[in-house]
Every structure is written in C-alpha cells, then in structure tokens.
Protein backbone atom coordinates (compact mmCIF):
# COMPACT_ATOMS: atom_id res chain seq x y z
CA MET A 1 4.56 -25.98 -62.94
CA PHE A 2 3.35 -29.67 -63.02
CA PHE A 3 0.44 -29.89 -65.41
CA TYR A 4 -2.01 -33.24 -64.84
CA LYS A 5 -5.45 -34.92 -66.24
CA ILE A 6 -8.02 -35.54 -62.89
CA ARG A 7 -11.16 -37.15 -64.22
CA ASN A 8 -10.61 -36.21 -67.65
CA LYS A 9 -10.08 -32.58 -66.19
CA VAL A 10 -6.71 -30.49 -66.62
CA ALA A 11 -5.28 -29.36 -63.51
CA PHE A 12 -1.76 -27.68 -62.74
CA SER A 13 0.45 -27.06 -60.03
CA PHE A 14 3.72 -25.60 -58.44
CA ASN A 15 3.88 -28.84 -56.72
CA LYS A 16 4.70 -32.81 -57.53
CA PHE A 17 2.25 -34.94 -56.81
CA SER A 18 3.48 -38.28 -58.16
CA GLU A 19 -0.13 -39.92 -57.49
CA LEU A 20 -1.88 -38.06 -59.85
CA ASN A 21 -1.42 -38.27 -63.98
CA GLU A 22 1.07 -36.34 -65.62
CA ILE A 23 1.16 -34.57 -68.80
CA PRO A 24 2.70 -31.94 -70.93
CA GLU A 25 2.10 -28.19 -70.75
CA SER A 26 1.47 -28.82 -74.66
CA LYS A 27 -1.83 -31.11 -73.89
CA ALA A 28 -2.80 -28.97 -70.90
CA ILE A 29 -2.74 -25.56 -73.15
CA LYS A 30 -5.08 -27.43 -75.22
CA GLU A 31 -8.10 -26.96 -72.86
CA GLU A 32 -10.50 -24.94 -73.88
CA ASN A 33 -12.61 -24.96 -70.75
CA ILE A 34 -12.08 -23.95 -66.89
CA ILE A 35 -8.35 -25.70 -65.63
CA TYR A 36 -7.87 -26.27 -61.52
CA PHE A 37 -5.05 -25.02 -60.00
CA LEU A 38 -3.84 -27.34 -57.19
CA THR A 39 -2.36 -25.54 -53.73
CA SER A 40 -2.60 -26.80 -50.20
CA LEU A 41 -3.65 -24.08 -47.61
CA ILE A 42 -5.03 -24.44 -44.05
CA PRO A 43 -8.61 -25.71 -43.94
CA LYS A 44 -9.61 -23.80 -40.83
CA VAL A 45 -8.78 -20.47 -42.53
CA SER A 46 -8.74 -21.31 -45.59
CA ARG A 47 -11.90 -22.02 -48.64
CA ARG A 48 -11.71 -25.07 -50.50
CA SER A 49 -11.90 -23.61 -53.56
CA PHE A 50 -11.74 -20.08 -55.02
CA CYS A 51 -11.62 -18.09 -58.41
CA ILE A 52 -8.14 -17.03 -59.66
CA SER A 53 -8.73 -13.08 -60.30
CA ASP A 54 -5.36 -12.59 -60.78
CA PRO A 55 -1.94 -13.98 -60.91
CA SER A 56 -0.81 -13.05 -57.43
CA LEU A 57 -3.62 -15.75 -56.15
CA LEU A 58 -1.49 -18.31 -57.64
CA TYR A 59 1.23 -17.56 -54.08
CA LEU A 60 -1.18 -17.34 -51.88
CA GLU A 61 0.27 -18.42 -48.70
CA ASN A 62 -2.52 -17.41 -46.02
CA GLU A 63 -6.01 -15.89 -46.74
CA ASP A 64 -7.21 -12.47 -44.61
CA LEU A 65 -8.42 -9.83 -44.66
CA ARG A 66 -5.77 -8.54 -47.58
CA LEU A 67 -7.81 -10.65 -50.25
CA LEU A 68 -9.96 -7.35 -50.13
CA ILE A 69 -6.98 -5.14 -51.82
CA LYS A 70 -5.95 -5.34 -55.04
CA PRO A 71 -2.37 -6.47 -55.56
CA GLU A 72 0.40 -4.79 -56.52
CA LYS A 73 1.68 -5.26 -60.21
CA LYS A 74 4.34 -7.97 -60.97
CA ASN A 75 6.09 -9.68 -63.65
CA TYR A 76 5.12 -13.21 -62.99
CA GLU A 77 7.18 -16.14 -64.38
CA ILE A 78 3.92 -17.83 -66.08
CA SER A 79 2.67 -18.96 -69.46
CA ASP A 80 0.71 -16.39 -71.31
CA TRP A 81 -1.89 -18.90 -72.27
CA ILE A 82 -2.33 -19.19 -67.95
CA LEU A 83 -2.34 -15.49 -67.63
CA GLU A 84 -4.91 -15.13 -70.52
CA LYS A 85 -7.07 -18.21 -68.87
CA ILE A 86 -7.03 -16.14 -65.66
CA ASP A 87 -8.18 -13.02 -67.52
CA PHE A 88 -11.21 -14.78 -68.47
CA ARG A 89 -12.01 -15.91 -65.42
CA LYS A 90 -11.22 -19.64 -66.25
CA ILE A 91 -8.93 -21.14 -63.55
CA MET A 92 -10.40 -22.44 -60.30
CA ALA A 93 -7.70 -22.93 -57.48
CA ILE A 94 -8.55 -26.01 -55.20
CA ASN A 95 -7.40 -26.59 -51.91
CA THR A 96 -5.93 -30.01 -51.66
CA THR A 97 -5.44 -30.01 -48.04
CA TYR A 98 -9.65 -30.89 -47.89
CA HIS A 99 -10.01 -34.99 -47.97
CA ASN A 100 -12.83 -34.51 -51.06
CA TRP A 101 -10.87 -31.65 -53.30
CA GLU A 102 -11.30 -34.18 -56.18
CA ASN A 103 -15.27 -33.81 -55.98
CA ILE A 104 -15.00 -30.17 -57.01
CA LEU A 105 -13.96 -31.15 -60.51
CA GLU A 106 -17.41 -33.49 -60.84
CA TYR A 107 -19.54 -30.14 -60.12
CA THR A 108 -21.21 -28.32 -62.77
CA PRO A 109 -23.49 -25.33 -61.73
CA PRO A 110 -26.87 -25.61 -63.20
CA ASP A 111 -28.43 -24.01 -66.01
CA LYS A 112 -31.53 -23.23 -63.79
CA TRP A 113 -31.61 -23.58 -60.17
CA ARG A 114 -33.68 -25.66 -58.06
CA ILE A 115 -34.48 -23.86 -54.86
CA ASN A 116 -35.59 -24.69 -51.29
CA LEU A 117 -36.53 -22.10 -48.82
CA VAL A 118 -37.03 -23.00 -44.60
CA GLY A 119 -38.99 -20.18 -42.80
CA LEU A 120 -42.08 -18.56 -44.11
CA GLY A 121 -42.21 -15.73 -41.84
CA ASP A 122 -42.40 -12.08 -42.71
CA VAL A 123 -38.43 -12.21 -44.48
CA GLY A 124 -39.22 -15.69 -45.33
CA GLY A 125 -42.56 -14.72 -47.22
CA THR A 126 -41.58 -11.68 -48.60
CA LEU A 127 -38.19 -13.01 -49.77
CA LEU A 128 -40.12 -15.87 -51.53
CA THR A 129 -42.40 -13.33 -52.99
CA GLY A 130 -39.30 -11.67 -54.48
CA LEU A 131 -37.82 -14.68 -55.70
CA ARG A 132 -40.80 -15.88 -57.70
CA LEU A 133 -41.03 -12.13 -59.36
CA LEU A 134 -38.02 -11.77 -60.24
CA GLY A 135 -36.38 -15.81 -60.89
CA SER A 136 -38.02 -16.68 -64.47
CA ASN A 137 -34.85 -17.87 -66.81
CA PHE A 138 -32.77 -18.64 -63.65
CA ILE A 139 -34.87 -20.56 -61.29
CA SER A 140 -36.98 -23.48 -62.13
CA GLU A 141 -38.90 -24.19 -58.79
CA ILE A 142 -38.78 -23.17 -54.99
CA GLY A 143 -39.52 -25.67 -52.58
CA ILE A 144 -40.89 -24.55 -49.19
CA TYR A 145 -41.20 -26.07 -45.82
CA SER A 146 -42.37 -24.68 -42.57
CA ARG A 147 -43.64 -26.14 -39.19
CA SER A 148 -46.82 -24.80 -40.41
CA LYS A 149 -48.41 -26.85 -42.71
CA GLU A 150 -51.09 -24.32 -42.89
CA SER A 151 -48.55 -21.80 -43.63
CA VAL A 152 -47.46 -23.62 -46.26
CA ILE A 153 -50.46 -24.59 -48.02
CA ARG A 154 -51.20 -20.74 -48.07
CA TRP A 155 -48.27 -19.90 -49.61
CA GLU A 156 -48.08 -22.80 -51.95
CA LEU A 157 -51.44 -21.31 -53.18
CA GLU A 158 -51.01 -17.42 -53.26
CA ALA A 159 -47.30 -17.25 -54.84
CA ASN A 160 -48.44 -19.78 -57.35
CA GLN A 161 -50.78 -16.97 -57.89
CA ILE A 162 -48.64 -14.20 -58.83
CA MET A 163 -48.47 -13.79 -62.38
CA SER A 164 -49.14 -10.77 -65.39
CA ALA A 165 -52.16 -11.87 -67.43
CA PHE A 166 -50.82 -12.65 -70.80
CA GLY A 167 -46.90 -12.58 -70.45
CA LYS A 168 -44.28 -14.93 -71.54
CA GLU A 169 -42.70 -15.06 -67.95
CA ASP A 170 -41.17 -18.35 -67.06
CA TYR A 171 -42.40 -18.66 -62.88
CA PRO A 172 -40.46 -20.55 -60.88
CA ILE A 173 -42.75 -23.41 -59.46
CA ILE A 174 -43.55 -22.97 -55.80
CA LYS A 175 -44.38 -26.65 -54.00
CA GLY A 176 -44.56 -27.74 -50.22
CA ILE A 177 -42.02 -29.79 -49.89
CA SER A 178 -40.89 -32.16 -46.58
CA GLU A 179 -38.36 -31.49 -44.31
CA GLU A 180 -36.91 -34.50 -45.83
CA LYS A 181 -35.75 -33.05 -49.25
CA LEU A 182 -34.47 -29.83 -48.13
CA PHE A 183 -31.42 -30.80 -49.61
CA ASP A 184 -32.19 -32.08 -52.81
CA CYS A 185 -32.22 -28.61 -54.69
CA ASP A 186 -28.74 -26.24 -55.64
CA MET A 187 -29.60 -23.79 -52.89
CA PHE A 188 -31.21 -23.85 -49.80
CA VAL A 189 -32.23 -21.15 -48.05
CA PHE A 190 -32.23 -20.06 -44.58
CA CYS A 191 -34.66 -17.77 -43.50
CA ALA A 192 -36.12 -19.50 -40.13
CA SER A 193 -35.71 -17.21 -36.68
CA LYS A 194 -37.04 -17.36 -33.76
CA SER A 195 -36.95 -14.41 -30.90
CA VAL A 196 -37.59 -11.28 -33.29
CA PRO A 197 -38.06 -8.61 -30.55
CA LYS A 198 -41.24 -7.28 -30.49
CA VAL A 199 -42.14 -3.57 -31.61
CA GLY A 200 -41.42 -1.51 -28.87
CA GLU A 201 -38.90 -3.28 -27.14
CA ASN A 202 -35.92 -1.94 -26.41
CA VAL A 203 -32.58 -3.63 -27.58
CA ASP A 204 -29.41 -2.71 -28.76
CA ASP A 205 -28.63 -4.97 -31.45
CA VAL A 206 -31.53 -6.23 -32.72
CA ARG A 207 -29.28 -9.00 -34.47
CA LEU A 208 -27.27 -10.02 -31.91
CA TYR A 209 -30.59 -10.47 -29.89
CA GLN A 210 -31.51 -13.52 -31.96
CA PHE A 211 -27.97 -15.28 -32.29
CA GLU A 212 -28.41 -18.08 -29.59
CA SER A 213 -31.88 -19.32 -30.62
CA ASN A 214 -31.21 -18.89 -34.28
CA SER A 215 -27.73 -20.71 -33.69
CA LYS A 216 -29.69 -23.28 -32.20
CA ILE A 217 -31.86 -23.98 -35.43
CA ILE A 218 -29.08 -23.56 -37.92
CA LYS A 219 -27.36 -26.30 -36.12
CA LYS A 220 -29.97 -28.87 -36.87
CA TYR A 221 -29.75 -27.85 -40.92
CA ALA A 222 -26.20 -27.56 -40.83
CA ILE A 223 -25.79 -31.00 -39.80
CA MET A 224 -28.80 -32.36 -41.97
CA ALA A 225 -26.58 -30.86 -44.89
CA ARG A 226 -23.67 -32.94 -43.67
CA LYS A 227 -25.29 -36.21 -44.00
CA ASN A 228 -27.04 -35.20 -47.24
CA ASN A 229 -23.64 -34.74 -48.82
CA PHE A 230 -25.04 -31.58 -50.09
CA LYS A 231 -23.24 -29.99 -52.87
CA GLY A 232 -25.08 -26.37 -53.48
CA ILE A 233 -24.96 -23.07 -51.96
CA PHE A 234 -26.32 -22.70 -48.36
CA ALA A 235 -27.42 -19.26 -47.88
CA VAL A 236 -28.53 -17.58 -44.80
CA VAL A 237 -30.97 -14.70 -44.73
CA SER A 238 -31.70 -14.82 -40.64
CA ASP A 239 -30.05 -12.94 -38.01
CA PRO A 240 -27.44 -12.62 -37.15
CA VAL A 241 -26.24 -14.14 -41.33
CA ASP A 242 -22.54 -13.40 -40.17
CA LEU A 243 -21.84 -15.46 -37.34
CA LEU A 244 -24.97 -17.95 -38.05
CA CYS A 245 -22.58 -18.75 -41.39
CA LYS A 246 -19.73 -19.61 -39.28
CA VAL A 247 -21.97 -21.81 -36.61
CA ALA A 248 -23.38 -23.50 -39.86
CA LEU A 249 -19.59 -24.13 -40.99
CA ILE A 250 -18.42 -25.37 -37.67
CA GLU A 251 -21.61 -27.96 -36.76
CA SER A 252 -21.68 -29.06 -40.86
CA ASN A 253 -18.32 -30.07 -39.99
CA LYS A 254 -17.76 -32.29 -36.79
CA SER A 255 -18.22 -35.80 -37.04
CA ASP A 256 -20.73 -37.48 -34.67
CA GLU A 257 -17.98 -37.39 -31.99
CA GLY A 258 -17.65 -33.86 -31.95
CA ILE A 259 -14.35 -33.73 -33.81
CA MET A 260 -13.58 -31.33 -36.73
CA ASP A 261 -13.02 -33.40 -39.83
CA TYR A 262 -13.79 -30.82 -42.56
CA ARG A 263 -16.11 -33.63 -44.31
CA GLY A 264 -19.15 -31.13 -44.24
CA LEU A 265 -19.89 -28.18 -45.76
CA ALA A 266 -17.06 -26.31 -47.41
CA PRO A 267 -16.37 -22.74 -46.33
CA GLU A 268 -17.05 -21.28 -50.25
CA GLN A 269 -20.62 -22.72 -50.29
CA ILE A 270 -22.09 -20.99 -47.30
CA ARG A 271 -23.31 -17.36 -47.79
CA GLY A 272 -24.58 -14.92 -45.63
CA TYR A 273 -27.22 -12.15 -47.07
CA GLY A 274 -27.58 -9.42 -44.93
CA LEU A 275 -25.03 -6.58 -46.52
CA GLY A 276 -27.47 -6.35 -49.28
CA VAL A 277 -29.83 -3.98 -47.01
CA MET A 278 -27.29 -2.06 -45.75
CA ASN A 279 -26.12 -0.93 -48.57
CA ALA A 280 -29.35 0.02 -49.86
CA ARG A 281 -29.99 2.19 -46.61
CA ALA A 282 -26.90 4.05 -46.89
CA ALA A 283 -27.42 4.92 -50.54
CA TYR A 284 -31.15 5.97 -49.33
CA TYR A 285 -29.85 8.56 -46.66
CA ALA A 286 -27.03 9.36 -48.82
CA SER A 287 -29.43 10.67 -51.11
CA LYS A 288 -30.17 12.98 -48.91
CA LYS A 289 -27.16 15.32 -48.36
CA PRO A 290 -25.68 16.63 -50.97
CA MET A 291 -21.86 15.65 -49.95
CA THR A 292 -22.57 12.13 -50.01
CA THR A 293 -24.58 11.64 -52.89
CA SER A 294 -21.78 10.33 -54.94
CA TYR A 295 -21.80 6.88 -52.82
CA VAL A 296 -23.71 4.79 -54.87
CA ALA A 297 -21.20 5.10 -57.59
CA GLU A 298 -18.11 5.34 -56.03
CA GLY A 299 -19.06 4.04 -52.31
CA ARG A 300 -19.04 0.71 -50.64
CA ALA A 301 -20.57 -1.64 -48.18
CA PHE A 302 -18.52 -3.81 -45.94
CA GLY A 303 -18.79 -6.30 -42.83
CA PRO A 304 -21.96 -7.50 -40.90
CA HIS A 305 -25.43 -6.68 -40.52
CA GLY A 306 -25.00 -4.68 -37.67
CA GLN A 307 -22.67 -3.61 -35.50
CA GLY A 308 -19.24 -3.53 -37.21
CA LEU A 309 -20.63 -2.43 -40.48
CA VAL A 310 -18.17 0.00 -42.61
CA ILE A 311 -19.89 2.02 -45.24
CA ALA A 312 -17.73 4.05 -47.34
CA ASN A 313 -18.44 7.07 -49.24
CA SER A 314 -16.18 6.42 -51.78
CA ILE A 315 -13.13 4.34 -52.33
CA GLU A 316 -11.44 6.98 -54.44
CA ASP A 317 -12.08 10.25 -52.68
CA TYR A 318 -12.90 8.30 -49.43
CA ASP A 319 -13.74 10.67 -46.42
CA GLU A 320 -13.63 9.40 -42.66
CA GLU A 321 -16.65 11.99 -41.29
CA LEU A 322 -18.78 11.31 -44.35
CA SER A 323 -18.06 7.66 -44.25
CA ASP A 324 -18.87 8.00 -40.24
CA TYR A 325 -22.16 9.73 -41.05
CA LEU A 326 -23.61 7.06 -43.54
CA THR A 327 -22.33 4.26 -41.30
CA GLU A 328 -24.29 5.21 -38.20
CA LYS A 329 -27.37 6.23 -40.43
CA THR A 330 -27.63 3.11 -41.54
CA LEU A 331 -27.38 1.12 -38.63
CA LYS A 332 -30.07 2.98 -37.16
CA ALA A 333 -32.36 2.28 -40.16
CA ASN A 334 -33.94 -0.34 -38.85
CA LEU A 335 -34.83 1.37 -35.34
CA GLU A 336 -36.48 4.11 -37.40
CA VAL A 337 -38.93 1.85 -38.89
CA ARG A 338 -39.75 0.49 -35.19
CA LYS A 339 -40.27 4.08 -33.74
CA VAL A 340 -43.43 4.31 -36.36
CA GLY A 341 -45.02 0.83 -34.65
CA TYR A 342 -43.56 -1.58 -37.67
CA LYS A 343 -40.98 -4.59 -37.88
CA PRO A 344 -38.40 -3.52 -40.33
CA PHE A 345 -38.32 -6.26 -42.95
CA ILE A 346 -39.05 -5.75 -46.37
CA ALA A 347 -36.22 -3.93 -47.73
CA PRO A 348 -33.99 -6.53 -46.05
CA ALA A 349 -35.90 -9.62 -47.06
CA LEU A 350 -35.88 -8.07 -51.16
CA SER A 351 -32.34 -6.07 -50.78
CA SER A 352 -30.32 -8.72 -49.12
CA GLY A 353 -32.67 -11.70 -50.24
CA ALA A 354 -34.07 -11.80 -53.00
CA LEU A 355 -32.42 -9.58 -55.31
CA SER A 356 -29.24 -10.48 -54.05
CA ILE A 357 -30.00 -13.85 -54.50
CA ILE A 358 -31.03 -13.46 -57.90
CA GLU A 359 -27.77 -11.84 -58.73
CA THR A 360 -25.61 -14.42 -57.41
CA ILE A 361 -27.54 -16.73 -59.56
CA LYS A 362 -26.52 -14.57 -62.57
CA GLY A 363 -23.16 -14.42 -61.61
CA ASN A 364 -23.01 -10.51 -61.09
CA TRP A 365 -21.62 -8.47 -58.48
CA HIS A 366 -23.47 -8.13 -55.23
CA TYR A 367 -23.74 -7.82 -51.31
CA SER A 368 -22.79 -11.13 -49.55
CA ALA A 369 -20.98 -12.66 -46.73
CA THR A 370 -18.38 -14.86 -47.72
CA PHE A 371 -15.37 -16.74 -45.93
CA ILE A 372 -12.31 -14.90 -45.65
CA GLY A 373 -9.32 -15.96 -43.30
CA GLY A 374 -11.40 -17.94 -40.99
CA ILE A 375 -14.77 -16.10 -40.82
CA TYR A 376 -17.43 -14.57 -42.71
CA MET A 377 -17.49 -11.15 -43.83
CA GLY A 378 -19.63 -9.07 -45.90
CA ALA A 379 -17.99 -7.47 -49.13
CA ASN A 380 -18.75 -7.17 -52.60
CA ASN A 381 -18.36 -10.58 -54.66
CA LYS A 382 -19.35 -12.59 -57.36
CA LEU A 383 -19.94 -16.09 -57.97
CA THR A 384 -18.15 -17.58 -61.60
CA PRO A 385 -17.64 -20.71 -62.58
CA SER A 386 -14.44 -21.10 -61.71
CA GLY A 387 -15.65 -19.97 -57.74
CA ILE A 388 -16.18 -16.84 -55.93
CA GLU A 389 -14.50 -13.47 -57.18
CA LEU A 390 -13.88 -11.07 -54.32
CA GLU A 391 -13.92 -7.51 -55.24
CA ARG A 392 -10.12 -5.99 -54.85
CA LEU A 393 -9.43 -2.29 -54.40
CA ASN A 394 -7.18 0.06 -53.57
CA LEU A 395 -8.62 1.07 -50.11
CA PRO A 396 -7.17 3.67 -47.79
CA ASP A 397 -5.16 2.81 -44.96
CA SER A 398 -7.50 4.59 -42.80
CA LEU A 399 -10.56 2.34 -43.96
CA PHE A 400 -8.67 -0.60 -44.47
CA ASN A 401 -7.74 -0.28 -39.99
CA LYS A 402 -11.72 0.02 -39.62
CA LEU A 403 -12.41 -3.23 -42.13
CA LYS A 404 -9.70 -4.92 -39.80
CA GLU A 405 -11.08 -3.71 -36.22
CA THR A 406 -14.40 -5.29 -37.83
CA PHE A 407 -12.45 -8.92 -38.82
CA GLU A 408 -11.09 -8.79 -35.40
CA ARG A 409 -14.57 -8.42 -33.72
CA LEU A 410 -15.94 -11.04 -35.86
CA GLU A 411 -13.26 -13.58 -35.09
CA LYS A 412 -13.86 -13.12 -31.52
CA MET A 413 -17.30 -13.94 -31.32
CA VAL A 414 -17.37 -17.34 -32.89
C-alpha cells in the first residue's frame, strides 16, 4: 500500500501516484478522521465515491448488482488499523478516473440542511408539509419554487403557520425563491410533474406514462445543476424516479456539444425516492395475512417504483409464492385508490418523500434508488459521512435472479 497527504487529508491506495505527496504509514495511522481510498473504476458504470463498509470493497473491480450481496469472509492482508477504520465507516473510496475527484476531499456534510424544492402540486405540497413537521433539528430552511407565483405565496404562508403551541420545535423556515436560486442549497428536491393520468383514465403503468414529459423537465434542472457546480444531493421524487435519475445523470454530464465528459453531477449525488411507499404498501398488505406478517421485521423491497419491483417476504426464510403475492398487491395498491376516485399521492409524498429524505439526512437506513453498475436501483441504504453504504445480504439464488431481471430491464430503458 501507498499512503498520501492530499489537501491536508490522508489517503491510501494499492496504486502508486507519483504526483501525490507520499507519506509513511506511521503518519497515516495517526489520522483520527475519515481517510480516503484511491481506486480506479470505469465512470460509466461506477460511482465517484462510496463508503468502504467491508474489506472486499477495497478490491472491487466492477460495480454491479453483486454490491447487494454479502461477501464471503476472507483473511485480507490489511493492517488492523485500516480494518478498524472500515468497521467504524471511516474510509471513503474515491474513483480517480473522475477529473474532479480531489474536490470530494473538500466536502463537509452540513449540520443543518438547506433544502430547495421545485413543484408544489399534490406530491410537492404534501412532502413540504412532512418536511416542515419532521425537519426540526435537521433542516434549517426549505426554499420553494413553482411557475405559479400564487402557489409559492400560498405555501409560504400556510407552511410557516404549521406549528404546535408553546412547543420548542425549531421548525425549518419556508421561503419562496427564484428559479436561479434553486441550487443554492444542500439538497435539491425535484417534485415537478406533468401528464399525471386523470382518475378513471385506463393506464397500465401510471409511472411510465409520465416518463417522456417529466424527462424534458428534469433535463433542464440537471443542466442547471451542472452550470452551478452543485455539490449537494439531487433528489428525484417525481415518477418514474429510477429512470429520471438516469436522465438527470446523463444530461448533467454532457458538454455544450452533447459529449459525455463526466463534469456534472456525480452518480452518487442523485437519489430517487420512490421505494419507500412500496415498502409501506407491502407492509400494509402483509399485515392482513398471517403468513406474511413477518415482512416488516424480515422482508425487503428492491427495484423501481413500478414494474420490476421485487418484494421479498423474508430474507432468511424466503418464500417465492408469498413474495410474489406481496409484490402483486403492492404494485396494484395505487390502482385501488384510483378506483374510489382519488389520486394516490399522500403515502408516496410522505413514505417515499418526507420520511425517507429525513432518514437520509439523519444517516439512517431507508429505501431509495442509488447508482449501481450504471442504473439506479432501489434498495436499503444509508448516507454516512464516508459516502453511501448499501445493505449487503445473503440473498437466495431465486431472489437474486429476480433482481437480475429487474436490473437488466432498467438497463435497457434509458
């Protein structure tokens, strides 16, 4: 191993970097804060940075769906102090094939987040309400933008009047902002949407129905993020989240000539918030059948917010028939709401949106779509100070094969 000092930060690598300031291991071992592992992976299918949550990730050659599988235990020839750093999630991997990789060394997570939200429709307004109620101690302010000035004024007035009497809650301040200020924040939340099917309209997959129109909208904001050199999280809540995340990644990384130069948003900066409500819907239906009540404690949700979703009734005691039942019930849950004459936006805005965003900020486990091997795949993960940590599980072969089918399906779609 080689050890380096870069911008007053300690880094190490299996590779020799002659242009970097090399230091002895005896100096590196004294670093109490996060240290950085320098690696080299293909940008098209790899993240710019991620958390080293187990030693096998130091030897990662390709990022793919196997990132969700718990690795076999091996005796690695690694110093004990580095293994201890891994146990405490104090090592961040940096992919040096990205031209601006050194900028990651300068990033510090905020103590209290500033969030800017675009889109104040059914989902955006409900999500904003959830963030106002839940954001105390975690969010300092929420900037809101809509093409309707009246809508911005309405929500600024209404949301700032949500509070408990005589309480000590430090609610985030809600304020209207201009479109030019949208990327002056720590997290940008995309809730803008177009072509939402009307109640009673016969559409097989409501989410895919919105893809074309929402792709055009998100492209504009992805380009804005690039021009503003945005360092925060680009959160996608509008449907279909998984596909729109990939569109945002591609469009933000194109030059003015339309050439992919990877100078825009890093893959891990973009996150899709759609799987939270699918987990909640699965839990709801699981509670109604004795054979599936263990889902909340033992089960998991994977994949997109729509076709390709995989619900596992249990990881330890996986039953394909029960899992298929829960998957089917979850996929059709939104149609059940539509049957009684309503658009299903409350649970998505709160379970996928507000609650999952708060858990992201807090660094807790939650469901969201993150970059895995070239696509955005929903799975349990958390945002640590050293980057995204994916939950790695002992997945049964039959379950992994289902996930592989979903992975390949998403690969072909964008």
